[in-house]
């Protein structure tokens, strides 16, 4: 997801793997939750906007996370 790459460039997240899948990131909840709480950013869908992308957002759980709680994010493609 592009917004995660931007967070890495800003020093607000770390990328740990990127040579194939999954791409693994760690990021404090306070830096991640605002981007994902209402679904993935539309600009991140890129050429896949027309594909059936399945995303489940558990808003109630995300909103309870302390801002400094570190999340591990694994990003996979659908191929």
N, C-alpha and C. Protein backbone atom coordinates (compact mmCIF):
# COMPACT_ATOMS: atom_id res chain seq x y z
N UNK A 1 0.84 -1.18 0.00
CA UNK A 1 0.00 0.00 0.00
C UNK A 1 0.88 1.24 0.00
N UNK A 2 0.54 2.12 -0.88
CA UNK A 2 1.38 3.31 -1.05
C UNK A 2 1.47 4.16 0.21
N UNK A 3 0.39 4.29 0.96
CA UNK A 3 0.45 5.15 2.13
C UNK A 3 1.45 4.61 3.15
N UNK A 4 1.64 3.30 3.22
CA UNK A 4 2.66 2.74 4.11
C UNK A 4 4.05 3.13 3.65
N UNK A 5 4.29 3.13 2.35
CA UNK A 5 5.58 3.57 1.83
C UNK A 5 5.85 5.03 2.18
N UNK A 6 4.81 5.86 2.13
CA UNK A 6 4.96 7.26 2.52
C UNK A 6 5.30 7.38 4.01
N UNK A 7 4.64 6.57 4.84
CA UNK A 7 4.94 6.60 6.27
C UNK A 7 6.38 6.18 6.54
N UNK A 8 6.89 5.22 5.78
CA UNK A 8 8.29 4.79 5.92
C UNK A 8 9.21 5.95 5.57
N UNK A 9 8.95 6.63 4.45
CA UNK A 9 9.79 7.76 4.03
C UNK A 9 9.78 8.88 5.06
N UNK A 10 8.66 9.04 5.75
CA UNK A 10 8.54 10.08 6.78
C UNK A 10 9.11 9.63 8.12
N UNK A 11 9.55 8.37 8.22
CA UNK A 11 10.08 7.86 9.48
C UNK A 11 9.01 7.48 10.48
N UNK A 12 7.77 7.33 10.04
CA UNK A 12 6.66 7.00 10.93
C UNK A 12 6.30 5.53 10.90
N UNK A 13 7.02 4.73 10.09
CA UNK A 13 6.82 3.29 9.99
C UNK A 13 8.14 2.69 9.52
N UNK A 14 8.27 1.38 9.67
CA UNK A 14 9.45 0.67 9.19
C UNK A 14 9.02 -0.45 8.26
N UNK A 15 9.79 -0.65 7.19
CA UNK A 15 9.54 -1.78 6.29
C UNK A 15 10.61 -2.82 6.56
N UNK A 16 10.20 -4.06 6.78
CA UNK A 16 11.12 -5.12 7.16
C UNK A 16 11.38 -6.13 6.05
N UNK A 17 10.43 -6.32 5.15
CA UNK A 17 10.65 -7.22 4.02
C UNK A 17 9.95 -6.63 2.80
N UNK A 18 10.56 -6.86 1.64
CA UNK A 18 10.01 -6.27 0.44
C UNK A 18 10.47 -7.01 -0.82
N UNK A 19 11.09 -8.16 -0.67
CA UNK A 19 11.57 -8.95 -1.81
C UNK A 19 10.58 -10.06 -2.12
N UNK A 20 9.42 -9.71 -2.56
CA UNK A 20 8.36 -10.68 -2.77
C UNK A 20 7.30 -10.48 -1.72
N UNK A 21 6.47 -11.48 -1.54
CA UNK A 21 5.35 -11.31 -0.61
C UNK A 21 5.50 -12.22 0.58
N UNK A 22 5.09 -11.77 1.75
CA UNK A 22 4.44 -10.49 1.97
C UNK A 22 5.46 -9.37 2.12
N UNK A 23 4.97 -8.14 1.94
CA UNK A 23 5.74 -6.97 2.35
C UNK A 23 5.36 -6.73 3.80
N UNK A 24 6.33 -6.64 4.68
CA UNK A 24 6.05 -6.52 6.11
C UNK A 24 6.49 -5.16 6.62
N UNK A 25 5.59 -4.53 7.38
CA UNK A 25 5.83 -3.23 7.99
C UNK A 25 5.52 -3.30 9.48
N UNK A 26 6.14 -2.44 10.25
CA UNK A 26 5.68 -2.17 11.62
C UNK A 26 5.41 -0.68 11.70
N UNK A 27 4.34 -0.36 12.41
CA UNK A 27 3.91 1.03 12.49
C UNK A 27 3.08 1.23 13.76
N UNK A 28 3.31 2.33 14.49
CA UNK A 28 2.46 2.62 15.64
C UNK A 28 1.01 2.83 15.19
N UNK A 29 0.08 2.36 16.00
CA UNK A 29 -1.34 2.47 15.66
C UNK A 29 -1.74 3.92 15.37
N UNK A 30 -1.17 4.86 16.08
CA UNK A 30 -1.51 6.27 15.87
C UNK A 30 -1.13 6.78 14.49
N UNK A 31 -0.18 6.14 13.85
CA UNK A 31 0.21 6.52 12.49
C UNK A 31 -0.56 5.75 11.43
N UNK A 32 -1.11 4.60 11.80
CA UNK A 32 -1.77 3.72 10.83
C UNK A 32 -3.29 3.84 10.82
N UNK A 33 -3.88 3.84 11.99
CA UNK A 33 -5.35 3.80 12.10
C UNK A 33 -6.04 4.93 11.33
N UNK A 34 -5.55 6.18 11.38
CA UNK A 34 -6.25 7.23 10.63
C UNK A 34 -6.35 6.97 9.13
N UNK A 35 -5.40 6.24 8.57
CA UNK A 35 -5.43 5.96 7.14
C UNK A 35 -6.38 4.83 6.77
N UNK A 36 -6.60 3.89 7.67
CA UNK A 36 -7.31 2.66 7.33
C UNK A 36 -8.71 2.57 7.95
N UNK A 37 -9.03 3.42 8.90
CA UNK A 37 -10.26 3.29 9.68
C UNK A 37 -11.52 3.28 8.82
N UNK A 38 -11.53 4.02 7.72
CA UNK A 38 -12.70 4.07 6.85
C UNK A 38 -12.51 3.27 5.56
N UNK A 39 -11.54 2.34 5.57
CA UNK A 39 -11.24 1.53 4.39
C UNK A 39 -9.93 1.97 3.77
N UNK A 40 -9.39 1.18 2.87
CA UNK A 40 -8.11 1.53 2.27
C UNK A 40 -8.22 2.81 1.46
N UNK A 41 -7.17 3.64 1.49
CA UNK A 41 -7.21 4.87 0.69
C UNK A 41 -7.45 4.53 -0.78
N UNK A 42 -8.38 5.23 -1.42
CA UNK A 42 -8.75 4.96 -2.80
C UNK A 42 -7.55 5.07 -3.72
N UNK A 43 -6.66 6.03 -3.48
CA UNK A 43 -5.49 6.19 -4.35
C UNK A 43 -4.57 4.98 -4.29
N UNK A 44 -4.65 4.19 -3.25
CA UNK A 44 -3.82 2.99 -3.13
C UNK A 44 -4.34 1.84 -3.98
N UNK A 45 -5.57 1.92 -4.46
CA UNK A 45 -6.11 0.83 -5.25
C UNK A 45 -5.52 0.82 -6.65
N UNK A 46 -5.02 1.97 -7.13
CA UNK A 46 -4.32 2.06 -8.41
C UNK A 46 -5.09 1.37 -9.52
N UNK A 47 -4.38 0.58 -10.35
CA UNK A 47 -5.04 -0.07 -11.47
C UNK A 47 -6.01 -1.16 -11.06
N UNK A 48 -6.04 -1.54 -9.79
CA UNK A 48 -6.92 -2.62 -9.33
C UNK A 48 -8.29 -2.12 -8.88
N UNK A 49 -8.62 -0.85 -9.16
CA UNK A 49 -9.89 -0.29 -8.70
C UNK A 49 -11.08 -1.10 -9.18
N UNK A 50 -10.98 -1.72 -10.34
CA UNK A 50 -12.09 -2.47 -10.88
C UNK A 50 -12.15 -3.91 -10.39
N UNK A 51 -11.14 -4.37 -9.69
CA UNK A 51 -11.11 -5.74 -9.21
C UNK A 51 -11.88 -5.86 -7.91
N UNK A 52 -12.32 -7.06 -7.60
CA UNK A 52 -13.03 -7.31 -6.35
C UNK A 52 -11.99 -7.47 -5.24
N UNK A 53 -11.78 -6.41 -4.48
CA UNK A 53 -10.81 -6.43 -3.40
C UNK A 53 -11.55 -6.60 -2.08
N UNK A 54 -11.17 -7.60 -1.32
CA UNK A 54 -11.84 -7.89 -0.05
C UNK A 54 -11.03 -7.31 1.10
N UNK A 55 -11.63 -6.39 1.83
CA UNK A 55 -10.99 -5.77 2.98
C UNK A 55 -11.98 -5.79 4.13
N UNK A 56 -11.54 -6.27 5.27
CA UNK A 56 -12.37 -6.24 6.47
C UNK A 56 -11.74 -5.30 7.47
N UNK A 57 -12.47 -4.30 7.90
CA UNK A 57 -11.99 -3.32 8.87
C UNK A 57 -12.79 -3.51 10.15
N UNK A 58 -12.11 -3.77 11.23
CA UNK A 58 -12.76 -3.90 12.55
C UNK A 58 -12.58 -2.58 13.28
N UNK A 59 -13.44 -1.60 12.93
CA UNK A 59 -13.32 -0.24 13.46
C UNK A 59 -13.32 -0.23 14.99
N UNK A 60 -14.22 -0.98 15.61
CA UNK A 60 -14.33 -0.97 17.06
C UNK A 60 -13.03 -1.40 17.72
N UNK A 61 -12.35 -2.36 17.14
CA UNK A 61 -11.08 -2.83 17.71
C UNK A 61 -9.95 -1.84 17.44
N UNK A 62 -9.92 -1.29 16.23
CA UNK A 62 -8.86 -0.32 15.90
C UNK A 62 -8.94 0.92 16.78
N UNK A 63 -10.15 1.36 17.05
CA UNK A 63 -10.32 2.58 17.84
C UNK A 63 -9.91 2.41 19.31
N UNK A 64 -9.78 1.18 19.78
CA UNK A 64 -9.37 0.96 21.17
C UNK A 64 -7.85 0.88 21.34
N UNK A 65 -7.12 0.83 20.23
CA UNK A 65 -5.66 0.68 20.32
C UNK A 65 -5.01 1.96 20.81
N UNK A 66 -4.08 1.85 21.77
CA UNK A 66 -3.30 3.03 22.15
C UNK A 66 -2.45 3.48 20.96
N UNK A 67 -2.24 4.77 20.83
CA UNK A 67 -1.49 5.33 19.69
C UNK A 67 -0.09 4.75 19.58
N UNK A 68 0.52 4.36 20.70
CA UNK A 68 1.90 3.86 20.67
C UNK A 68 1.98 2.34 20.51
N UNK A 69 0.84 1.67 20.38
CA UNK A 69 0.82 0.21 20.17
C UNK A 69 1.37 -0.09 18.77
N UNK A 70 2.42 -0.90 18.68
CA UNK A 70 3.05 -1.18 17.40
C UNK A 70 2.35 -2.35 16.71
N UNK A 71 1.93 -2.12 15.48
CA UNK A 71 1.26 -3.12 14.66
C UNK A 71 2.23 -3.69 13.64
N UNK A 72 2.07 -4.96 13.31
CA UNK A 72 2.79 -5.58 12.21
C UNK A 72 1.79 -5.73 11.07
N UNK A 73 2.13 -5.18 9.92
CA UNK A 73 1.25 -5.18 8.75
C UNK A 73 1.91 -6.01 7.67
N UNK A 74 1.25 -7.07 7.22
CA UNK A 74 1.71 -7.88 6.09
C UNK A 74 0.82 -7.56 4.90
N UNK A 75 1.44 -7.17 3.78
CA UNK A 75 0.71 -6.81 2.57
C UNK A 75 0.95 -7.86 1.51
N UNK A 76 -0.13 -8.46 1.01
CA UNK A 76 -0.08 -9.49 -0.01
C UNK A 76 -0.80 -9.00 -1.25
N UNK A 77 -0.45 -9.54 -2.40
CA UNK A 77 -1.26 -9.28 -3.58
C UNK A 77 -2.15 -10.49 -3.81
N UNK A 78 -3.00 -10.41 -4.82
CA UNK A 78 -3.96 -11.48 -5.04
C UNK A 78 -3.54 -12.44 -6.15
N UNK A 79 -2.29 -12.36 -6.57
CA UNK A 79 -1.88 -13.26 -7.66
C UNK A 79 -1.55 -14.64 -7.16
